[in-house]
PDB file of all heavy atoms in Angstrom:
ATOM      1  N   GLU A   1     107.318 128.354  78.832  1.00  0.00           N
ATOM      2  CA  GLU A   1     107.500 129.288  80.003  1.00  0.00           C
ATOM      3  C   GLU A   1     106.221 130.247  79.908  1.00  0.00           C
ATOM      4  O   GLU A   1     105.702 130.681  80.930  1.00  0.00           O
ATOM      5  CB  GLU A   1     108.762 129.978  79.950  1.00  0.00           C
ATOM      6  CG  GLU A   1     109.155 130.889  81.153  1.00  0.00           C
ATOM      7  CD  GLU A   1     110.258 131.613  81.008  1.00  0.00           C
ATOM      8  OE1 GLU A   1     111.225 131.263  80.174  1.00  0.00           O
ATOM      9  OE2 GLU A   1     110.612 132.426  81.956  1.00  0.00           O
ATOM     10  N   ILE A   2     106.024 130.784  78.694  1.00  0.00           N
ATOM     11  CA  ILE A   2     104.871 131.758  78.481  1.00  0.00           C
ATOM     12  C   ILE A   2     103.561 131.245  78.885  1.00  0.00           C
ATOM     13  O   ILE A   2     102.770 131.698  79.702  1.00  0.00           O
ATOM     14  CB  ILE A   2     104.898 132.391  77.159  1.00  0.00           C
ATOM     15  CG1 ILE A   2     106.177 133.186  76.843  1.00  0.00           C
ATOM     16  CG2 ILE A   2     103.682 133.256  76.922  1.00  0.00           C
ATOM     17  CD1 ILE A   2     106.357 133.662  75.483  1.00  0.00           C
ATOM     18  N   LEU A   3     103.255 129.966  78.272  1.00  0.00           N
ATOM     19  CA  LEU A   3     101.921 129.367  78.504  1.00  0.00           C
ATOM     20  C   LEU A   3     101.759 128.858  79.905  1.00  0.00           C
ATOM     21  O   LEU A   3     100.766 128.868  80.549  1.00  0.00           O
ATOM     22  CB  LEU A   3     101.582 128.220  77.487  1.00  0.00           C
ATOM     23  CG  LEU A   3     101.544 128.653  76.048  1.00  0.00           C
ATOM     24  CD1 LEU A   3     101.410 127.499  75.140  1.00  0.00           C
ATOM     25  CD2 LEU A   3     100.492 129.693  75.839  1.00  0.00           C
ATOM     26  N   GLY A   4     102.953 128.464  80.524  1.00  0.00           N
ATOM     27  CA  GLY A   4     103.021 127.966  81.812  1.00  0.00           C
ATOM     28  C   GLY A   4     102.932 129.019  82.960  1.00  0.00           C
ATOM     29  O   GLY A   4     102.668 128.754  84.098  1.00  0.00           O
ATOM     30  N   SER A   5     102.848 130.279  82.528  1.00  0.00           N
ATOM     31  CA  SER A   5     102.747 131.513  83.427  1.00  0.00           C
ATOM     32  C   SER A   5     101.315 131.626  83.897  1.00  0.00           C
ATOM     33  O   SER A   5     101.069 132.364  84.888  1.00  0.00           O
ATOM     34  CB  SER A   5     103.308 132.699  82.926  1.00  0.00           C
ATOM     35  OG  SER A   5     102.632 133.104  81.743  1.00  0.00           O
ATOM     36  N   THR A   6     100.348 131.036  83.347  1.00  0.00           N
ATOM     37  CA  THR A   6      99.053 131.051  83.528  1.00  0.00           C
ATOM     38  C   THR A   6      98.440 129.634  84.093  1.00  0.00           C
ATOM     39  O   THR A   6      98.793 128.652  83.487  1.00  0.00           O
ATOM     40  CB  THR A   6      98.095 131.478  82.326  1.00  0.00           C
ATOM     41  OG1 THR A   6      98.585 132.749  81.856  1.00  0.00           O
ATOM     42  CG2 THR A   6      96.563 131.481  82.577  1.00  0.00           C
ATOM     43  N   GLU A   7      97.575 129.678  85.127  1.00  0.00           N
ATOM     44  CA  GLU A   7      96.985 128.483  85.435  1.00  0.00           C
ATOM     45  C   GLU A   7      95.570 128.419  84.690  1.00  0.00           C
ATOM     46  O   GLU A   7      94.662 129.224  85.031  1.00  0.00           O
ATOM     47  CB  GLU A   7      96.687 128.408  86.997  1.00  0.00           C
ATOM     48  CG  GLU A   7      96.163 127.138  87.438  1.00  0.00           C
ATOM     49  CD  GLU A   7      95.976 126.989  88.928  1.00  0.00           C
ATOM     50  OE1 GLU A   7      96.626 127.656  89.628  1.00  0.00           O
ATOM     51  OE2 GLU A   7      95.466 125.903  89.391  1.00  0.00           O
ATOM     52  N   TRP A   8      95.466 127.334  83.860  1.00  0.00           N
ATOM     53  CA  TRP A   8      94.345 127.441  83.034  1.00  0.00           C
ATOM     54  C   TRP A   8      93.195 126.525  83.659  1.00  0.00           C
ATOM     55  O   TRP A   8      93.412 125.758  84.438  1.00  0.00           O
ATOM     56  CB  TRP A   8      94.638 126.621  81.685  1.00  0.00           C
ATOM     57  CG  TRP A   8      95.893 127.213  80.985  1.00  0.00           C
ATOM     58  CD1 TRP A   8      97.156 126.952  81.130  1.00  0.00           C
ATOM     59  CD2 TRP A   8      95.834 128.383  80.128  1.00  0.00           C
ATOM     60  NE1 TRP A   8      97.974 127.794  80.311  1.00  0.00           N
ATOM     61  CE2 TRP A   8      97.228 128.716  79.732  1.00  0.00           C
ATOM     62  CE3 TRP A   8      94.752 129.345  79.663  1.00  0.00           C
ATOM     63  CZ2 TRP A   8      97.501 129.644  78.915  1.00  0.00           C
ATOM     64  CZ3 TRP A   8      95.190 130.297  78.783  1.00  0.00           C
ATOM     65  CH2 TRP A   8      96.431 130.490  78.434  1.00  0.00           C
ATOM     66  N   ASP A   9      91.914 126.965  83.409  1.00  0.00           N
ATOM     67  CA  ASP A   9      90.798 126.232  83.806  1.00  0.00           C
ATOM     68  C   ASP A   9      90.796 124.841  83.134  1.00  0.00           C
ATOM     69  O   ASP A   9      90.750 123.918  83.832  1.00  0.00           O
ATOM     70  CB  ASP A   9      89.516 127.033  83.653  1.00  0.00           C
ATOM     71  CG  ASP A   9      88.249 126.184  83.887  1.00  0.00           C
ATOM     72  OD1 ASP A   9      87.843 125.317  83.045  1.00  0.00           O
ATOM     73  OD2 ASP A   9      87.841 126.266  85.025  1.00  0.00           O
ATOM     74  N   THR A  10      90.831 124.939  81.729  1.00  0.00           N
ATOM     75  CA  THR A  10      90.922 123.719  81.010  1.00  0.00           C
ATOM     76  C   THR A  10      91.887 123.859  79.908  1.00  0.00           C
ATOM     77  O   THR A  10      92.026 124.835  79.221  1.00  0.00           O
ATOM     78  CB  THR A  10      89.545 123.527  80.358  1.00  0.00           C
ATOM     79  OG1 THR A  10      88.474 123.272  81.408  1.00  0.00           O
ATOM     80  CG2 THR A  10      89.541 122.298  79.453  1.00  0.00           C
ATOM     81  N   ILE A  11      92.609 122.855  79.619  1.00  0.00           N
ATOM     82  CA  ILE A  11      93.505 122.661  78.360  1.00  0.00           C
ATOM     83  C   ILE A  11      92.956 121.626  77.557  1.00  0.00           C
ATOM     84  O   ILE A  11      92.600 120.446  78.117  1.00  0.00           O
ATOM     85  CB  ILE A  11      94.990 122.290  78.794  1.00  0.00           C
ATOM     86  CG1 ILE A  11      95.631 123.414  79.645  1.00  0.00           C
ATOM     87  CG2 ILE A  11      95.753 122.019  77.459  1.00  0.00           C
ATOM     88  CD1 ILE A  11      97.129 123.036  79.949  1.00  0.00           C
ATOM     89  N   LEU A  12      92.661 121.937  76.342  1.00  0.00           N
ATOM     90  CA  LEU A  12      91.962 121.062  75.386  1.00  0.00           C
ATOM     91  C   LEU A  12      92.966 120.910  74.310  1.00  0.00           C
ATOM     92  O   LEU A  12      93.372 121.719  73.614  1.00  0.00           O
ATOM     93  CB  LEU A  12      90.619 121.678  74.888  1.00  0.00           C
ATOM     94  CG  LEU A  12      89.699 120.757  74.258  1.00  0.00           C
ATOM     95  CD1 LEU A  12      88.292 121.247  74.566  1.00  0.00           C
ATOM     96  CD2 LEU A  12      89.886 120.596  72.897  1.00  0.00           C
ATOM     97  N   LEU A  13      93.368 119.577  74.010  1.00  0.00           N
ATOM     98  CA  LEU A  13      94.187 119.214  72.909  1.00  0.00           C
ATOM     99  C   LEU A  13      93.347 118.732  71.696  1.00  0.00           C
ATOM    100  O   LEU A  13      92.622 117.635  71.742  1.00  0.00           O
ATOM    101  CB  LEU A  13      95.240 118.143  73.380  1.00  0.00           C
ATOM    102  CG  LEU A  13      96.074 118.418  74.504  1.00  0.00           C
ATOM    103  CD1 LEU A  13      97.136 117.297  74.571  1.00  0.00           C
ATOM    104  CD2 LEU A  13      96.755 119.779  74.336  1.00  0.00           C
ATOM    105  N   ASP A  14      93.458 119.329  70.568  1.00  0.00           N
ATOM    106  CA  ASP A  14      92.755 118.828  69.407  1.00  0.00           C
ATOM    107  C   ASP A  14      93.750 118.047  68.571  1.00  0.00           C
ATOM    108  O   ASP A  14      94.970 118.140  68.437  1.00  0.00           O
ATOM    109  CB  ASP A  14      92.331 119.942  68.533  1.00  0.00           C
ATOM    110  CG  ASP A  14      91.446 119.661  67.463  1.00  0.00           C
ATOM    111  OD1 ASP A  14      90.900 118.454  67.512  1.00  0.00           O
ATOM    112  OD2 ASP A  14      91.159 120.356  66.593  1.00  0.00           O
ATOM    113  N   GLU A  15      93.118 116.890  68.006  1.00  0.00           N
ATOM    114  CA  GLU A  15      93.990 115.861  67.243  1.00  0.00           C
ATOM    115  C   GLU A  15      95.207 115.418  68.206  1.00  0.00           C
ATOM    116  O   GLU A  15      96.383 115.691  68.015  1.00  0.00           O
ATOM    117  CB  GLU A  15      94.548 116.354  65.949  1.00  0.00           C
ATOM    118  CG  GLU A  15      93.278 116.884  65.093  1.00  0.00           C
ATOM    119  CD  GLU A  15      93.642 116.800  63.633  1.00  0.00           C
ATOM    120  OE1 GLU A  15      94.728 116.240  63.234  1.00  0.00           O
ATOM    121  OE2 GLU A  15      92.751 117.234  62.739  1.00  0.00           O
ATOM    122  N   ALA A  16      94.759 114.909  69.324  1.00  0.00           N
ATOM    123  CA  ALA A  16      95.666 114.512  70.490  1.00  0.00           C
ATOM    124  C   ALA A  16      96.662 113.524  70.014  1.00  0.00           C
ATOM    125  O   ALA A  16      97.603 113.309  70.877  1.00  0.00           O
ATOM    126  CB  ALA A  16      94.880 114.166  71.627  1.00  0.00           C
ATOM    127  N   GLN A  17      96.561 112.889  68.919  1.00  0.00           N
ATOM    128  CA  GLN A  17      97.599 111.926  68.572  1.00  0.00           C
ATOM    129  C   GLN A  17      99.009 112.598  68.356  1.00  0.00           C
ATOM    130  O   GLN A  17     100.022 111.969  68.245  1.00  0.00           O
ATOM    131  CB  GLN A  17      97.101 111.209  67.149  1.00  0.00           C
ATOM    132  CG  GLN A  17      96.956 112.058  65.971  1.00  0.00           C
ATOM    133  CD  GLN A  17      95.546 112.667  65.911  1.00  0.00           C
ATOM    134  OE1 GLN A  17      94.834 112.580  66.838  1.00  0.00           O
ATOM    135  NE2 GLN A  17      95.242 113.057  64.702  1.00  0.00           N
ATOM    136  N   TYR A  18      99.009 113.905  68.369  1.00  0.00           N
ATOM    137  CA  TYR A  18     100.266 114.687  68.330  1.00  0.00           C
ATOM    138  C   TYR A  18     101.155 114.420  69.537  1.00  0.00           C
ATOM    139  O   TYR A  18     102.283 114.725  69.534  1.00  0.00           O
ATOM    140  CB  TYR A  18     100.025 116.185  68.028  1.00  0.00           C
ATOM    141  CG  TYR A  18      99.868 116.503  66.677  1.00  0.00           C
ATOM    142  CD1 TYR A  18      98.842 116.102  65.851  1.00  0.00           C
ATOM    143  CD2 TYR A  18     100.856 117.354  66.041  1.00  0.00           C
ATOM    144  CE1 TYR A  18      98.671 116.476  64.650  1.00  0.00           C
ATOM    145  CE2 TYR A  18     100.762 117.778  64.717  1.00  0.00           C
ATOM    146  CZ  TYR A  18      99.664 117.325  63.933  1.00  0.00           C
ATOM    147  OH  TYR A  18      99.639 117.585  62.581  1.00  0.00           O
ATOM    148  N   ILE A  19     100.434 114.034  70.650  1.00  0.00           N
ATOM    149  CA  ILE A  19     101.349 113.636  71.757  1.00  0.00           C
ATOM    150  C   ILE A  19     101.333 112.200  72.129  1.00  0.00           C
ATOM    151  O   ILE A  19     101.448 111.722  73.238  1.00  0.00           O
ATOM    152  CB  ILE A  19     100.734 114.311  73.125  1.00  0.00           C
ATOM    153  CG1 ILE A  19      99.304 113.944  73.448  1.00  0.00           C
ATOM    154  CG2 ILE A  19     100.753 115.858  72.984  1.00  0.00           C
ATOM    155  CD1 ILE A  19      98.901 114.303  74.840  1.00  0.00           C
ATOM    156  N   LYS A  20     101.122 111.277  70.970  1.00  0.00           N
ATOM    157  CA  LYS A  20     101.139 109.961  71.201  1.00  0.00           C
ATOM    158  C   LYS A  20     102.556 109.313  71.696  1.00  0.00           C
ATOM    159  O   LYS A  20     102.532 108.270  72.365  1.00  0.00           O
ATOM    160  CB  LYS A  20     100.751 109.312  69.931  1.00  0.00           C
ATOM    161  CG  LYS A  20     101.711 109.401  68.782  1.00  0.00           C
ATOM    162  CD  LYS A  20     101.237 108.730  67.468  1.00  0.00           C
ATOM    163  CE  LYS A  20     102.116 108.976  66.275  1.00  0.00           C
ATOM    164  NZ  LYS A  20     101.555 108.356  65.093  1.00  0.00           N
ATOM    165  N   ASN A  21     103.509 110.091  71.438  1.00  0.00           N
ATOM    166  CA  ASN A  21     104.842 109.619  72.065  1.00  0.00           C
ATOM    167  C   ASN A  21     105.167 110.533  73.242  1.00  0.00           C
ATOM    168  O   ASN A  21     105.447 111.666  73.100  1.00  0.00           O
ATOM    169  CB  ASN A  21     105.930 109.777  70.960  1.00  0.00           C
ATOM    170  CG  ASN A  21     107.382 109.351  71.398  1.00  0.00           C
ATOM    171  OD1 ASN A  21     107.492 109.032  72.661  1.00  0.00           O
ATOM    172  ND2 ASN A  21     108.262 109.222  70.500  1.00  0.00           N
ATOM    173  N   PRO A  22     104.959 109.928  74.477  1.00  0.00           N
ATOM    174  CA  PRO A  22     105.247 110.634  75.696  1.00  0.00           C
ATOM    175  C   PRO A  22     106.662 111.205  76.022  1.00  0.00           C
ATOM    176  O   PRO A  22     106.843 112.007  76.815  1.00  0.00           O
ATOM    177  CB  PRO A  22     104.834 109.618  76.775  1.00  0.00           C
ATOM    178  CG  PRO A  22     105.087 108.379  76.176  1.00  0.00           C
ATOM    179  CD  PRO A  22     104.784 108.445  74.690  1.00  0.00           C
ATOM    180  N   TYR A  23     107.570 110.683  75.119  1.00  0.00           N
ATOM    181  CA  TYR A  23     108.980 111.006  75.438  1.00  0.00           C
ATOM    182  C   TYR A  23     109.415 112.230  74.606  1.00  0.00           C
ATOM    183  O   TYR A  23     110.629 112.567  74.626  1.00  0.00           O
ATOM    184  CB  TYR A  23     109.922 109.868  75.315  1.00  0.00           C
ATOM    185  CG  TYR A  23     109.521 108.782  76.385  1.00  0.00           C
ATOM    186  CD1 TYR A  23     108.910 107.671  76.018  1.00  0.00           C
ATOM    187  CD2 TYR A  23     109.895 109.028  77.681  1.00  0.00           C
ATOM    188  CE1 TYR A  23     108.635 106.680  76.942  1.00  0.00           C
ATOM    189  CE2 TYR A  23     109.554 108.078  78.706  1.00  0.00           C
ATOM    190  CZ  TYR A  23     108.951 106.826  78.280  1.00  0.00           C
ATOM    191  OH  TYR A  23     108.690 105.938  79.297  1.00  0.00           O
ATOM    192  N   THR A  24     108.685 112.708  73.766  1.00  0.00           N
ATOM    193  CA  THR A  24     108.926 113.957  73.022  1.00  0.00           C
ATOM    194  C   THR A  24     108.975 115.154  73.857  1.00  0.00           C
ATOM    195  O   THR A  24     108.121 115.272  74.736  1.00  0.00           O
ATOM    196  CB  THR A  24     108.164 114.051  71.734  1.00  0.00           C
ATOM    197  OG1 THR A  24     106.743 114.368  72.276  1.00  0.00           O
ATOM    198  CG2 THR A  24     108.058 112.857  70.776  1.00  0.00           C
ATOM    199  N   GLN A  25     109.842 116.101  73.537  1.00  0.00           N
ATOM    200  CA  GLN A  25     109.796 117.429  74.213  1.00  0.00           C
ATOM    201  C   GLN A  25     108.395 118.053  74.181  1.00  0.00           C
ATOM    202  O   GLN A  25     107.969 118.752  75.048  1.00  0.00           O
ATOM    203  CB  GLN A  25     110.831 118.297  73.712  1.00  0.00           C
ATOM    204  CG  GLN A  25     111.053 119.582  74.493  1.00  0.00           C
ATOM    205  CD  GLN A  25     112.094 120.489  74.041  1.00  0.00           C
ATOM    206  OE1 GLN A  25     112.840 120.040  73.113  1.00  0.00           O
ATOM    207  NE2 GLN A  25     112.096 121.802  74.469  1.00  0.00           N
ATOM    208  N   GLN A  26     107.735 117.889  73.062  1.00  0.00           N
ATOM    209  CA  GLN A  26     106.464 118.486  72.858  1.00  0.00           C
ATOM    210  C   GLN A  26     105.433 117.972  73.845  1.00  0.00           C
ATOM    211  O   GLN A  26     104.739 118.730  74.495  1.00  0.00           O
ATOM    212  CB  GLN A  26     106.009 118.152  71.378  1.00  0.00           C
ATOM    213  CG  GLN A  26     104.699 118.804  70.989  1.00  0.00           C
ATOM    214  CD  GLN A  26     104.506 118.646  69.459  1.00  0.00           C
ATOM    215  OE1 GLN A  26     104.906 119.474  68.757  1.00  0.00           O
ATOM    216  NE2 GLN A  26     103.770 117.629  69.113  1.00  0.00           N
ATOM    217  N   ALA A  27     105.282 116.564  73.981  1.00  0.00           N
ATOM    218  CA  ALA A  27     104.362 116.071  74.922  1.00  0.00           C
ATOM    219  C   ALA A  27     104.701 116.362  76.330  1.00  0.00           C
ATOM    220  O   ALA A  27     103.828 116.787  77.220  1.00  0.00           O
ATOM    221  CB  ALA A  27     104.327 114.561  74.763  1.00  0.00           C
ATOM    222  N   ALA A  28     105.968 116.434  76.592  1.00  0.00           N
ATOM    223  CA  ALA A  28     106.411 116.773  77.979  1.00  0.00           C
ATOM    224  C   ALA A  28     106.084 118.171  78.449  1.00  0.00           C
ATOM    225  O   ALA A  28     105.645 118.454  79.523  1.00  0.00           O
ATOM    226  CB  ALA A  28     107.911 116.488  78.134  1.00  0.00           C
ATOM    227  N   SER A  29     106.426 119.081  77.415  1.00  0.00           N
ATOM    228  CA  SER A  29     106.057 120.524  77.686  1.00  0.00           C
ATOM    229  C   SER A  29     104.562 120.722  77.984  1.00  0.00           C
ATOM    230  O   SER A  29     104.277 121.565  78.916  1.00  0.00           O
ATOM    231  CB  SER A  29     106.578 121.352  76.482  1.00  0.00           C
ATOM    232  OG  SER A  29     108.026 121.319  76.386  1.00  0.00           O
ATOM    233  N   ILE A  30     103.785 120.155  77.189  1.00  0.00           N
ATOM    234  CA  ILE A  30     102.375 120.375  77.263  1.00  0.00           C
ATOM    235  C   ILE A  30     101.822 119.742  78.582  1.00  0.00           C
ATOM    236  O   ILE A  30     100.907 120.374  79.296  1.00  0.00           O
ATOM    237  CB  ILE A  30     101.554 119.761  76.076  1.00  0.00           C
ATOM    238  CG1 ILE A  30     101.845 120.635  74.863  1.00  0.00           C
ATOM    239  CG2 ILE A  30     100.172 119.690  76.271  1.00  0.00           C
ATOM    240  CD1 ILE A  30     101.521 120.009  73.568  1.00  0.00           C
ATOM    241  N   SER A  31     102.398 118.610  78.894  1.00  0.00           N
ATOM    242  CA  SER A  31     101.882 117.875  80.243  1.00  0.00           C
ATOM    243  C   SER A  31     102.202 118.726  81.414  1.00  0.00           C
ATOM    244  O   SER A  31     101.631 118.606  82.525  1.00  0.00           O
ATOM    245  CB  SER A  31     102.580 116.481  80.280  1.00  0.00           C
ATOM    246  OG  SER A  31     102.142 115.633  79.263  1.00  0.00           O
ATOM    247  N   ARG A  32     103.373 119.488  81.377  1.00  0.00           N
ATOM    248  CA  ARG A  32     103.711 120.326  82.467  1.00  0.00           C
ATOM    249  C   ARG A  32     102.914 121.583  82.678  1.00  0.00           C
ATOM    250  O   ARG A  32     103.036 122.185  83.736  1.00  0.00           O
ATOM    251  CB  ARG A  32     105.163 120.682  82.430  1.00  0.00           C
ATOM    252  CG  ARG A  32     106.211 119.501  82.641  1.00  0.00           C
ATOM    253  CD  ARG A  32     107.647 119.923  82.728  1.00  0.00           C
ATOM    254  NE  ARG A  32     108.179 120.481  81.602  1.00  0.00           N
ATOM    255  CZ  ARG A  32     108.972 119.797  80.701  1.00  0.00           C
ATOM    256  NH1 ARG A  32     109.230 118.494  81.011  1.00  0.00           N
ATOM    257  NH2 ARG A  32     109.407 120.293  79.603  1.00  0.00           N
ATOM    258  N   LEU A  33     102.128 121.931  81.653  1.00  0.00           N
ATOM    259  CA  LEU A  33     101.350 123.217  81.895  1.00  0.00           C
ATOM    260  C   LEU A  33     100.318 123.134  83.067  1.00  0.00           C
ATOM    261  O   LEU A  33      99.810 121.927  83.158  1.00  0.00           O
ATOM    262  CB  LEU A  33     100.594 123.504  80.542  1.00  0.00           C
ATOM    263  CG  LEU A  33     101.488 123.857  79.409  1.00  0.00           C
ATOM    264  CD1 LEU A  33     100.690 124.102  78.098  1.00  0.00           C
ATOM    265  CD2 LEU A  33     102.369 125.055  79.566  1.00  0.00           C
ATOM    266  N   LYS A  34     100.075 124.094  83.770  1.00  0.00           N
ATOM    267  CA  LYS A  34      99.243 124.070  84.990  1.00  0.00           C
ATOM    268  C   LYS A  34      97.775 124.247  84.443  1.00  0.00           C
ATOM    269  O   LYS A  34      97.480 125.183  83.742  1.00  0.00           O
ATOM    270  CB  LYS A  34      99.604 125.074  86.032  1.00  0.00           C
ATOM    271  CG  LYS A  34     100.983 124.918  86.641  1.00  0.00           C
ATOM    272  CD  LYS A  34     101.402 126.115  87.382  1.00  0.00           C
ATOM    273  CE  LYS A  34     101.676 127.381  86.469  1.00  0.00           C
ATOM    274  NZ  LYS A  34     102.226 128.524  87.308  1.00  0.00           N
ATOM    275  N   CYS A  35      96.910 123.246  85.012  1.00  0.00           N
ATOM    276  CA  CYS A  35      95.486 123.504  84.649  1.00  0.00           C
ATOM    277  C   CYS A  35      94.712 122.499  85.636  1.00  0.00           C
ATOM    278  O   CYS A  35      95.163 121.764  86.296  1.00  0.00           O
ATOM    279  CB  CYS A  35      95.164 122.941  83.252  1.00  0.00           C
ATOM    280  SG  CYS A  35      95.518 121.286  82.810  1.00  0.00           S
ATOM    281  N   ARG A  36      93.291 122.872  85.644  1.00  0.00           N
ATOM    282  CA  ARG A  36      92.501 122.087  86.521  1.00  0.00           C
ATOM    283  C   ARG A  36      91.703 120.980  85.884  1.00  0.00           C
ATOM    284  O   ARG A  36      91.341 120.013  86.469  1.00  0.00           O
ATOM    285  CB  ARG A  36      91.433 123.126  87.250  1.00  0.00           C
ATOM    286  CG  ARG A  36      92.078 124.120  88.084  1.00  0.00           C
ATOM    287  CD  ARG A  36      91.026 125.009  88.850  1.00  0.00           C
ATOM    288  NE  ARG A  36      90.529 125.947  87.997  1.00  0.00           N
ATOM    289  CZ  ARG A  36      90.965 127.062  87.535  1.00  0.00           C
ATOM    290  NH1 ARG A  36      92.176 127.441  88.101  1.00  0.00           N
ATOM    291  NH2 ARG A  36      90.392 127.941  86.753  1.00  0.00           N
ATOM    292  N   ASN A  37      91.624 121.269  84.481  1.00  0.00           N
ATOM    293  CA  ASN A  37      90.828 120.142  83.691  1.00  0.00           C
ATOM    294  C   ASN A  37      91.655 119.875  82.391  1.00  0.00           C
ATOM    295  O   ASN A  37      92.029 120.844  81.867  1.00  0.00           O
ATOM    296  CB  ASN A  37      89.397 120.623  83.490  1.00  0.00           C
ATOM    297  CG  ASN A  37      88.534 120.922  84.812  1.00  0.00           C
ATOM    298  OD1 ASN A  37      88.210 120.082  85.554  1.00  0.00           O
ATOM    299  ND2 ASN A  37      88.622 122.220  85.152  1.00  0.00           N
ATOM    300  N   ARG A  38      91.552 118.632  81.977  1.00  0.00           N
ATOM    301  CA  ARG A  38      92.161 118.302  80.734  1.00  0.00           C
ATOM    302  C   ARG A  38      91.266 117.426  79.857  1.00  0.00           C
ATOM    303  O   ARG A  38      90.769 116.427  80.389  1.00  0.00           O
ATOM    304  CB  ARG A  38      93.481 117.613  81.040  1.00  0.00           C
ATOM    305  CG  ARG A  38      94.493 118.353  81.882  1.00  0.00           C
ATOM    306  CD  ARG A  38      95.701 117.600  82.115  1.00  0.00           C
ATOM    307  NE  ARG A  38      96.726 118.319  82.949  1.00  0.00           N
ATOM    308  CZ  ARG A  38      97.919 118.078  82.805  1.00  0.00           C
ATOM    309  NH1 ARG A  38      98.495 117.228  81.989  1.00  0.00           N
ATOM    310  NH2 ARG A  38      98.807 118.760  83.609  1.00  0.00           N
ATOM    311  N   PHE A  39      91.233 117.788  78.580  1.00  0.00           N
ATOM    312  CA  PHE A  39      90.420 116.976  77.702  1.00  0.00           C
ATOM    313  C   PHE A  39      91.198 116.817  76.309  1.00  0.00           C
ATOM    314  O   PHE A  39      91.907 117.695  76.065  1.00  0.00           O
ATOM    315  CB  PHE A  39      89.053 117.617  77.409  1.00  0.00           C
ATOM    316  CG  PHE A  39      88.067 117.398  78.480  1.00  0.00           C
ATOM    317  CD1 PHE A  39      87.900 118.216  79.566  1.00  0.00           C
ATOM    318  CD2 PHE A  39      87.283 116.190  78.585  1.00  0.00           C
ATOM    319  CE1 PHE A  39      87.086 117.996  80.554  1.00  0.00           C
ATOM    320  CE2 PHE A  39      86.358 115.931  79.533  1.00  0.00           C
ATOM    321  CZ  PHE A  39      86.313 116.832  80.698  1.00  0.00           C
ATOM    322  N   CYS A  40      90.960 115.715  75.630  1.00  0.00           N
ATOM    323  CA  CYS A  40      91.518 115.488  74.336  1.00  0.00           C
ATOM    324  C   CYS A  40      90.521 115.204  73.358  1.00  0.00           C
ATOM    325  O   CYS A  40      89.501 114.521  73.633  1.00  0.00           O
ATOM    326  CB  CYS A  40      92.503 114.331  74.342  1.00  0.00           C
ATOM    327  SG  CYS A  40      93.989 114.622  75.311  1.00  0.00           S
ATOM    328  N   LEU A  41      90.793 115.718  72.094  1.00  0.00           N
ATOM    329  CA  LEU A  41      89.927 115.374  70.980  1.00  0.00           C
ATOM    330  C   LEU A  41      90.784 114.579  70.003  1.00  0.00           C
ATOM    331  O   LEU A  41      91.855 114.953  69.694  1.00  0.00           O
ATOM    332  CB  LEU A  41      89.353 116.587  70.304  1.00  0.00           C
ATOM    333  CG  LEU A  41      88.642 117.627  71.130  1.00  0.00           C
ATOM    334  CD1 LEU A  41      88.182 118.871  70.242  1.00  0.00           C
ATOM    335  CD2 LEU A  41      87.548 117.143  71.858  1.00  0.00           C
ATOM    336  N   THR A  42      90.170 113.438  69.439  1.00  0.00           N
ATOM    337  CA  THR A  42      90.936 112.663  68.427  1.00  0.00           C
ATOM    338  C   THR A  42      89.867 112.009  67.504  1.00  0.00           C
ATOM    339  O   THR A  42      88.890 111.521  68.097  1.00  0.00           O
ATOM    340  CB  THR A  42      91.806 111.735  68.927  1.00  0.00           C
ATOM    341  OG1 THR A  42      92.544 111.027  67.849  1.00  0.00           O
ATOM    342  CG2 THR A  42      91.290 110.820  69.860  1.00  0.00           C
ATOM    343  N   GLY A  43      90.059 111.908  66.222  1.00  0.00           N
ATOM    344  CA  GLY A  43      89.164 111.165  65.367  1.00  0.00           C
ATOM    345  C   GLY A  43      89.570 109.794  65.145  1.00  0.00           C
ATOM    346  O   GLY A  43      88.896 109.162  64.314  1.00  0.00           O
ATOM    347  N   THR A  44      90.630 109.389  65.774  1.00  0.00           N
ATOM    348  CA  THR A  44      91.263 108.065  65.440  1.00  0.00           C
ATOM    349  C   THR A  44      91.043 107.170  66.625  1.00  0.00           C
ATOM    350  O   THR A  44      91.066 107.593  67.728  1.00  0.00           O
ATOM    351  CB  THR A  44      92.738 108.114  65.046  1.00  0.00           C
ATOM    352  OG1 THR A  44      93.463 108.572  66.219  1.00  0.00           O
ATOM    353  CG2 THR A  44      92.923 109.029  63.946  1.00  0.00           C
TER     354      THR A  44
END
């Protein structure tokens, strides 16, 4: 709710394998955040 109160220019996920399971509350919460651009970083 706090992070979702801002519309972000870019959300950048580092070590994006942390959202590899789309059905976790964590992945769902992050996906609902408002932004115009999205990028992921992963070394795997």
